[in-house]
Amino acid sequence: MAIIIANLEGIMDRSSDSMEERFRQLEQEVATAISDSAPPKVAKGWQRLTIWVNGLTGTTKIAAVIMIGLAAFAVLNFLLKTVMAILSLAVMGVIAYILWQVFFASNKENT
């Protein structure tokens, strides 16, 4: 009986070792597949922009960084104002719904 248990434990150890080894191989395959894949369009665009800025000379590089910063803040400002407008409309809609329920829905129940 002890021999059978020892054999089973040995088989389980070998199978778990082989599973761990296979898992490590799969991790390596996935890591190489991810690193070999092409970067997304945003990363390529950012890379091209940084290469372009690094190719500029002193004063033009400063001006380009300032202009890019202003454009980035303008886009961020637009997005934040859009989100704020959507949230404001949602709050106004909830308030209008509550007022409708209080004034008009209660009138229908009373009549």
N, C-alpha and C. Protein backbone atom coordinates (compact mmCIF):
# COMPACT_ATOMS: atom_id res chain seq x y z
N MET A 1 0.82 -1.19 0.00
CA MET A 1 0.00 0.00 0.00
C MET A 1 0.87 1.26 0.00
N ALA A 2 1.91 1.27 0.81
CA ALA A 2 2.80 2.42 0.89
C ALA A 2 3.52 2.63 -0.44
N ILE A 3 3.82 1.55 -1.14
CA ILE A 3 4.50 1.65 -2.43
C ILE A 3 3.58 2.32 -3.45
N ILE A 4 2.31 1.96 -3.43
CA ILE A 4 1.35 2.55 -4.36
C ILE A 4 1.21 4.05 -4.09
N ILE A 5 1.11 4.40 -2.81
CA ILE A 5 0.98 5.82 -2.45
C ILE A 5 2.23 6.59 -2.87
N ALA A 6 3.40 5.99 -2.65
CA ALA A 6 4.65 6.64 -3.04
C ALA A 6 4.71 6.82 -4.55
N ASN A 7 4.27 5.80 -5.30
CA ASN A 7 4.25 5.91 -6.76
C ASN A 7 3.29 7.00 -7.22
N LEU A 8 2.12 7.07 -6.60
CA LEU A 8 1.15 8.10 -6.96
C LEU A 8 1.69 9.49 -6.65
N GLU A 9 2.36 9.63 -5.50
CA GLU A 9 2.94 10.93 -5.17
C GLU A 9 4.03 11.30 -6.17
N GLY A 10 4.82 10.33 -6.60
CA GLY A 10 5.85 10.59 -7.59
C GLY A 10 5.26 11.01 -8.92
N ILE A 11 4.18 10.34 -9.32
CA ILE A 11 3.51 10.69 -10.58
C ILE A 11 2.93 12.10 -10.48
N MET A 12 2.31 12.41 -9.34
CA MET A 12 1.73 13.74 -9.16
C MET A 12 2.81 14.81 -9.17
N ASP A 13 3.96 14.52 -8.52
CA ASP A 13 5.06 15.49 -8.52
C ASP A 13 5.56 15.73 -9.94
N ARG A 14 5.71 14.65 -10.71
CA ARG A 14 6.19 14.79 -12.08
C ARG A 14 5.18 15.54 -12.94
N SER A 15 3.89 15.24 -12.75
CA SER A 15 2.89 15.92 -13.56
C SER A 15 2.81 17.40 -13.19
N SER A 16 2.93 17.71 -11.90
CA SER A 16 2.90 19.12 -11.51
C SER A 16 4.15 19.84 -11.99
N ASP A 17 5.30 19.14 -11.97
CA ASP A 17 6.53 19.74 -12.50
C ASP A 17 6.40 20.00 -14.00
N SER A 18 5.83 19.01 -14.71
CA SER A 18 5.67 19.20 -16.15
C SER A 18 4.65 20.30 -16.44
N MET A 19 3.62 20.39 -15.61
CA MET A 19 2.64 21.46 -15.80
C MET A 19 3.27 22.82 -15.55
N GLU A 20 4.10 22.92 -14.51
CA GLU A 20 4.77 24.18 -14.23
C GLU A 20 5.72 24.55 -15.36
N GLU A 21 6.42 23.55 -15.89
CA GLU A 21 7.33 23.80 -17.00
C GLU A 21 6.56 24.25 -18.23
N ARG A 22 5.45 23.60 -18.51
CA ARG A 22 4.62 23.99 -19.65
C ARG A 22 4.07 25.40 -19.46
N PHE A 23 3.67 25.71 -18.22
CA PHE A 23 3.15 27.05 -17.93
C PHE A 23 4.23 28.10 -18.18
N ARG A 24 5.45 27.84 -17.75
CA ARG A 24 6.55 28.78 -17.99
C ARG A 24 6.80 28.96 -19.49
N GLN A 25 6.72 27.86 -20.25
CA GLN A 25 6.90 27.96 -21.70
C GLN A 25 5.81 28.83 -22.32
N LEU A 26 4.57 28.62 -21.88
CA LEU A 26 3.47 29.43 -22.40
C LEU A 26 3.65 30.90 -22.05
N GLU A 27 4.11 31.19 -20.82
CA GLU A 27 4.36 32.58 -20.45
C GLU A 27 5.40 33.22 -21.36
N GLN A 28 6.46 32.48 -21.67
CA GLN A 28 7.50 33.00 -22.55
C GLN A 28 6.96 33.23 -23.95
N GLU A 29 6.13 32.30 -24.44
CA GLU A 29 5.55 32.46 -25.78
C GLU A 29 4.66 33.69 -25.85
N VAL A 30 3.85 33.88 -24.81
CA VAL A 30 2.95 35.04 -24.79
C VAL A 30 3.77 36.33 -24.70
N ALA A 31 4.81 36.34 -23.88
CA ALA A 31 5.63 37.55 -23.74
C ALA A 31 6.31 37.90 -25.06
N THR A 32 6.81 36.91 -25.78
CA THR A 32 7.45 37.21 -27.06
C THR A 32 6.42 37.63 -28.10
N ALA A 33 5.23 37.04 -28.05
CA ALA A 33 4.18 37.43 -29.00
C ALA A 33 3.75 38.87 -28.77
N ILE A 34 3.67 39.27 -27.51
CA ILE A 34 3.27 40.65 -27.20
C ILE A 34 4.35 41.62 -27.62
N SER A 35 5.61 41.28 -27.35
CA SER A 35 6.69 42.20 -27.71
C SER A 35 6.89 42.28 -29.22
N ASP A 36 6.56 41.21 -29.95
CA ASP A 36 6.72 41.22 -31.40
C ASP A 36 5.59 41.94 -32.12
N SER A 37 4.45 42.11 -31.46
CA SER A 37 3.32 42.74 -32.12
C SER A 37 3.60 44.22 -32.35
N ALA A 38 2.97 44.77 -33.37
CA ALA A 38 3.17 46.18 -33.72
C ALA A 38 2.52 47.06 -32.67
N PRO A 39 3.12 48.21 -32.34
CA PRO A 39 2.51 49.10 -31.36
C PRO A 39 1.24 49.73 -31.94
N PRO A 40 0.31 50.10 -31.08
CA PRO A 40 -0.92 50.71 -31.57
C PRO A 40 -0.66 52.07 -32.22
N LYS A 41 -1.68 52.57 -32.90
CA LYS A 41 -1.54 53.82 -33.65
C LYS A 41 -1.19 55.00 -32.75
N VAL A 42 -1.75 55.03 -31.55
CA VAL A 42 -1.46 56.14 -30.64
C VAL A 42 0.01 56.14 -30.26
N ALA A 43 0.53 54.95 -29.96
CA ALA A 43 1.94 54.86 -29.59
C ALA A 43 2.84 55.26 -30.76
N LYS A 44 2.46 54.85 -31.96
CA LYS A 44 3.25 55.24 -33.14
C LYS A 44 3.21 56.75 -33.34
N GLY A 45 2.04 57.34 -33.18
CA GLY A 45 1.91 58.78 -33.33
C GLY A 45 2.73 59.53 -32.28
N TRP A 46 2.67 59.06 -31.05
CA TRP A 46 3.45 59.69 -29.98
C TRP A 46 4.94 59.56 -30.27
N GLN A 47 5.34 58.38 -30.75
CA GLN A 47 6.74 58.14 -31.07
C GLN A 47 7.20 59.08 -32.19
N ARG A 48 6.39 59.22 -33.22
CA ARG A 48 6.74 60.12 -34.32
C ARG A 48 6.83 61.56 -33.85
N LEU A 49 5.91 61.97 -32.96
CA LEU A 49 5.93 63.33 -32.44
C LEU A 49 7.19 63.60 -31.62
N THR A 50 7.55 62.66 -30.76
CA THR A 50 8.77 62.87 -29.96
C THR A 50 10.01 62.88 -30.83
N ILE A 51 10.05 62.05 -31.85
CA ILE A 51 11.20 62.07 -32.77
C ILE A 51 11.27 63.42 -33.48
N TRP A 52 10.12 63.94 -33.91
CA TRP A 52 10.09 65.23 -34.60
C TRP A 52 10.55 66.35 -33.68
N VAL A 53 10.06 66.35 -32.42
CA VAL A 53 10.44 67.40 -31.48
C VAL A 53 11.93 67.30 -31.15
N ASN A 54 12.43 66.09 -30.98
CA ASN A 54 13.86 65.93 -30.67
C ASN A 54 14.75 66.35 -31.83
N GLY A 55 14.22 66.34 -33.04
CA GLY A 55 14.99 66.76 -34.20
C GLY A 55 15.07 68.26 -34.37
N LEU A 56 14.28 69.01 -33.62
CA LEU A 56 14.28 70.47 -33.74
C LEU A 56 15.46 71.06 -32.97
N THR A 57 15.76 72.32 -33.29
CA THR A 57 16.84 73.02 -32.58
C THR A 57 16.27 73.72 -31.35
N GLY A 58 17.10 74.39 -30.58
CA GLY A 58 16.76 74.96 -29.28
C GLY A 58 15.49 75.77 -29.20
N THR A 59 15.42 76.90 -29.90
CA THR A 59 14.27 77.79 -29.80
C THR A 59 13.02 77.17 -30.41
N THR A 60 13.17 76.53 -31.55
CA THR A 60 12.00 75.92 -32.19
C THR A 60 11.49 74.74 -31.37
N LYS A 61 12.39 74.04 -30.68
CA LYS A 61 11.96 72.94 -29.83
C LYS A 61 11.11 73.46 -28.67
N ILE A 62 11.53 74.57 -28.07
CA ILE A 62 10.77 75.17 -26.97
C ILE A 62 9.41 75.63 -27.46
N ALA A 63 9.37 76.28 -28.62
CA ALA A 63 8.10 76.74 -29.19
C ALA A 63 7.19 75.56 -29.51
N ALA A 64 7.75 74.49 -30.05
CA ALA A 64 6.94 73.32 -30.39
C ALA A 64 6.37 72.66 -29.14
N VAL A 65 7.17 72.57 -28.09
CA VAL A 65 6.69 71.97 -26.84
C VAL A 65 5.58 72.82 -26.24
N ILE A 66 5.73 74.14 -26.29
CA ILE A 66 4.69 75.03 -25.77
C ILE A 66 3.40 74.87 -26.58
N MET A 67 3.51 74.84 -27.90
CA MET A 67 2.32 74.70 -28.75
C MET A 67 1.64 73.34 -28.54
N ILE A 68 2.43 72.28 -28.42
CA ILE A 68 1.87 70.95 -28.17
C ILE A 68 1.18 70.92 -26.81
N GLY A 69 1.79 71.56 -25.82
CA GLY A 69 1.18 71.63 -24.49
C GLY A 69 -0.13 72.39 -24.52
N LEU A 70 -0.16 73.51 -25.24
CA LEU A 70 -1.40 74.28 -25.35
C LEU A 70 -2.49 73.48 -26.05
N ALA A 71 -2.13 72.78 -27.11
CA ALA A 71 -3.10 71.96 -27.82
C ALA A 71 -3.62 70.83 -26.93
N ALA A 72 -2.73 70.23 -26.16
CA ALA A 72 -3.15 69.14 -25.27
C ALA A 72 -4.10 69.67 -24.20
N PHE A 73 -3.79 70.83 -23.63
CA PHE A 73 -4.68 71.41 -22.63
C PHE A 73 -6.01 71.85 -23.24
N ALA A 74 -6.01 72.29 -24.47
CA ALA A 74 -7.26 72.67 -25.13
C ALA A 74 -8.15 71.44 -25.34
N VAL A 75 -7.55 70.34 -25.75
CA VAL A 75 -8.32 69.11 -25.93
C VAL A 75 -8.85 68.62 -24.59
N LEU A 76 -8.00 68.66 -23.56
CA LEU A 76 -8.43 68.24 -22.23
C LEU A 76 -9.55 69.13 -21.71
N ASN A 77 -9.44 70.43 -21.93
CA ASN A 77 -10.47 71.37 -21.53
C ASN A 77 -11.80 71.06 -22.23
N PHE A 78 -11.73 70.79 -23.53
CA PHE A 78 -12.94 70.44 -24.28
C PHE A 78 -13.59 69.18 -23.73
N LEU A 79 -12.78 68.16 -23.47
CA LEU A 79 -13.34 66.91 -22.96
C LEU A 79 -13.97 67.10 -21.58
N LEU A 80 -13.30 67.85 -20.71
CA LEU A 80 -13.86 68.07 -19.38
C LEU A 80 -15.14 68.89 -19.44
N LYS A 81 -15.20 69.89 -20.31
CA LYS A 81 -16.42 70.68 -20.45
C LYS A 81 -17.56 69.83 -21.01
N THR A 82 -17.23 68.92 -21.92
CA THR A 82 -18.25 68.04 -22.47
C THR A 82 -18.81 67.11 -21.40
N VAL A 83 -17.94 66.54 -20.60
CA VAL A 83 -18.39 65.67 -19.51
C VAL A 83 -19.21 66.46 -18.51
N MET A 84 -18.78 67.68 -18.20
CA MET A 84 -19.52 68.52 -17.26
C MET A 84 -20.91 68.86 -17.81
N ALA A 85 -21.00 69.13 -19.10
CA ALA A 85 -22.30 69.44 -19.70
C ALA A 85 -23.22 68.22 -19.66
N ILE A 86 -22.66 67.05 -19.93
CA ILE A 86 -23.48 65.83 -19.89
C ILE A 86 -23.99 65.58 -18.47
N LEU A 87 -23.12 65.75 -17.48
CA LEU A 87 -23.55 65.57 -16.10
C LEU A 87 -24.58 66.60 -15.69
N SER A 88 -24.42 67.83 -16.13
CA SER A 88 -25.40 68.88 -15.81
C SER A 88 -26.75 68.56 -16.41
N LEU A 89 -26.75 68.10 -17.65
CA LEU A 89 -28.02 67.72 -18.29
C LEU A 89 -28.67 66.54 -17.57
N ALA A 90 -27.86 65.61 -17.11
CA ALA A 90 -28.41 64.47 -16.38
C ALA A 90 -29.04 64.92 -15.06
N VAL A 91 -28.38 65.81 -14.34
CA VAL A 91 -28.93 66.32 -13.08
C VAL A 91 -30.20 67.11 -13.35
N MET A 92 -30.21 67.94 -14.38
CA MET A 92 -31.42 68.69 -14.71
C MET A 92 -32.56 67.75 -15.09
N GLY A 93 -32.25 66.68 -15.80
CA GLY A 93 -33.27 65.70 -16.16
C GLY A 93 -33.86 65.02 -14.94
N VAL A 94 -33.01 64.68 -13.98
CA VAL A 94 -33.51 64.05 -12.75
C VAL A 94 -34.38 65.02 -11.97
N ILE A 95 -33.96 66.28 -11.88
CA ILE A 95 -34.76 67.29 -11.17
C ILE A 95 -36.09 67.50 -11.88
N ALA A 96 -36.08 67.58 -13.20
CA ALA A 96 -37.33 67.76 -13.95
C ALA A 96 -38.26 66.56 -13.75
N TYR A 97 -37.71 65.36 -13.72
CA TYR A 97 -38.53 64.16 -13.51
C TYR A 97 -39.17 64.18 -12.12
N ILE A 98 -38.37 64.55 -11.12
CA ILE A 98 -38.91 64.60 -9.75
C ILE A 98 -40.01 65.65 -9.65
N LEU A 99 -39.78 66.84 -10.23
CA LEU A 99 -40.81 67.88 -10.21
C LEU A 99 -42.06 67.43 -10.95
N TRP A 100 -41.91 66.76 -12.05
CA TRP A 100 -43.05 66.24 -12.80
C TRP A 100 -43.85 65.27 -11.94
N GLN A 101 -43.14 64.38 -11.27
CA GLN A 101 -43.82 63.40 -10.42
C GLN A 101 -44.54 64.09 -9.26
N VAL A 102 -43.94 65.11 -8.69
CA VAL A 102 -44.54 65.77 -7.53
C VAL A 102 -45.76 66.59 -7.94
N PHE A 103 -45.66 67.38 -9.00
CA PHE A 103 -46.74 68.30 -9.33
C PHE A 103 -47.79 67.70 -10.25
N PHE A 104 -47.39 66.99 -11.28
CA PHE A 104 -48.37 66.53 -12.26
C PHE A 104 -48.88 65.13 -11.99
N ALA A 105 -48.04 64.24 -11.54
CA ALA A 105 -48.50 62.88 -11.26
C ALA A 105 -49.40 62.86 -10.03
N SER A 106 -49.13 63.72 -9.06
CA SER A 106 -49.98 63.77 -7.87
C SER A 106 -51.34 64.37 -8.22
N ASN A 107 -51.43 65.28 -9.21
CA ASN A 107 -52.70 65.85 -9.64
C ASN A 107 -53.58 64.79 -10.28
N LYS A 108 -53.00 63.87 -11.01
CA LYS A 108 -53.78 62.81 -11.64
C LYS A 108 -54.36 61.86 -10.60
N GLU A 109 -53.64 61.64 -9.52
CA GLU A 109 -54.13 60.75 -8.47
C GLU A 109 -55.27 61.41 -7.69
N ASN A 110 -55.23 62.73 -7.53
CA ASN A 110 -56.26 63.45 -6.77
C ASN A 110 -57.56 63.58 -7.55
N THR A 111 -57.52 63.56 -8.87
CA THR A 111 -58.74 63.75 -9.65
C THR A 111 -59.39 62.46 -10.00
